[in-house]
């Protein structure tokens, strides 16, 4: 049967409304409320939503970015779970258009009028994208060969500039990716109304989507804050810059080793297996950026955490939880990465492996830290003591 998506493609909402299956939103009703977490910009705080009836018009929400959304419900749910334990660093952003009054028996969030609660976003799904590519590239069968040759270029252009569409559609379309997050920010009723009106206007009056300069985060920040910015893009550019610096550090070692091999003797401090000058350049371009990232990120988030606590958006225990958790991240992740990169020239001989360590040690260590933190919180602290950390208040199960 034809669905409500682009070109008649079926959406998750179609399945839920027709009672073919139920939304994963229903599973969230029994989940414990978790403390907020820090967004990739080290300034914004976000909280995982468990009670969807608390979502209001103008709320700025996020989900873990999913490049294959709607390819299969199991895949969508798996990616959503990875975001819940902070394995995914990138997010998709959208704006709530209708107050959510309740969730029906199939898991569809509905407004007070009984209609599905709507959201505004700049996004797309795999079925809709494929339908559009088929209609655009293979619409005219008379030029089929030429179109096949142009398909790679069209796909690249599509991903960069045409992948996402500015649409208003049901929140239930994310029913297979139930881990939704809300940006913790105080908004007046007037600001919420203005944000929704701006979102509805942008549905028809908007610029072209651009992965770098006009993505979903730019759009939502423009609606809610009046400033087009993307913490994800800044984060990605910094990571790329740090990787390039690491490459320069590896090249400094490689060039010096080449000079040593050519001379076949050591007549100066600049020509030895581990010259001070080459090692200094190596550490300047590899360990120093990591240490600075760890320290600056903690300074930025500390200011933001205290500010949100002052605005009563987080309580005292959540404030201390975030400060303690992120201090541990700064020391453990930053410290371990600095040590690993520092020892790499002595322990690892191949330049490619050295580059891999410099480029990915921080991210890999951070993922391990997140997994361990959530394992302790979800498997030990919550089941045993009913709290997310030993000094915090107990979290009572819903319905108690």
Foldseek 3Di string as FASTA:
>chain_A
DFDPDPPRHHFLVVCLVVVVAAFLLVVLLFDFFDFWAAALLLFWIKGWDSALLPDAFFWKKKAQDDPAPPVDLVVLQVSLVCVVLPLGRDIFIKGWHARFRHADPRGFGDHPVRHFGKIWFWADHPVNVVVVLCCPLVVDVVCNVVSVVCSVVVVVCCVFWPHTATDMDGPCSSRSNNGMMTTLDDDDPVLSVQLSVVSVVCNVDHDIDGPQQHHGQLVSCCSRPVGRDDSVNVSVVLLVQLLVLLLVLLVLLVVLQVVLVVVVDDDDLSRDNDRPVSLVSNCVSFLVSLLVVLVVSLVNNLVSLVVCCVVVSHDPVSSVVRNVLSVCLSCQLSVVLSVQLSCCVVPPPDSVVSSVSRSCSSSVSSSVSSVVLVCCQPVPCCVPPQDSDDPDDHGDTPPD
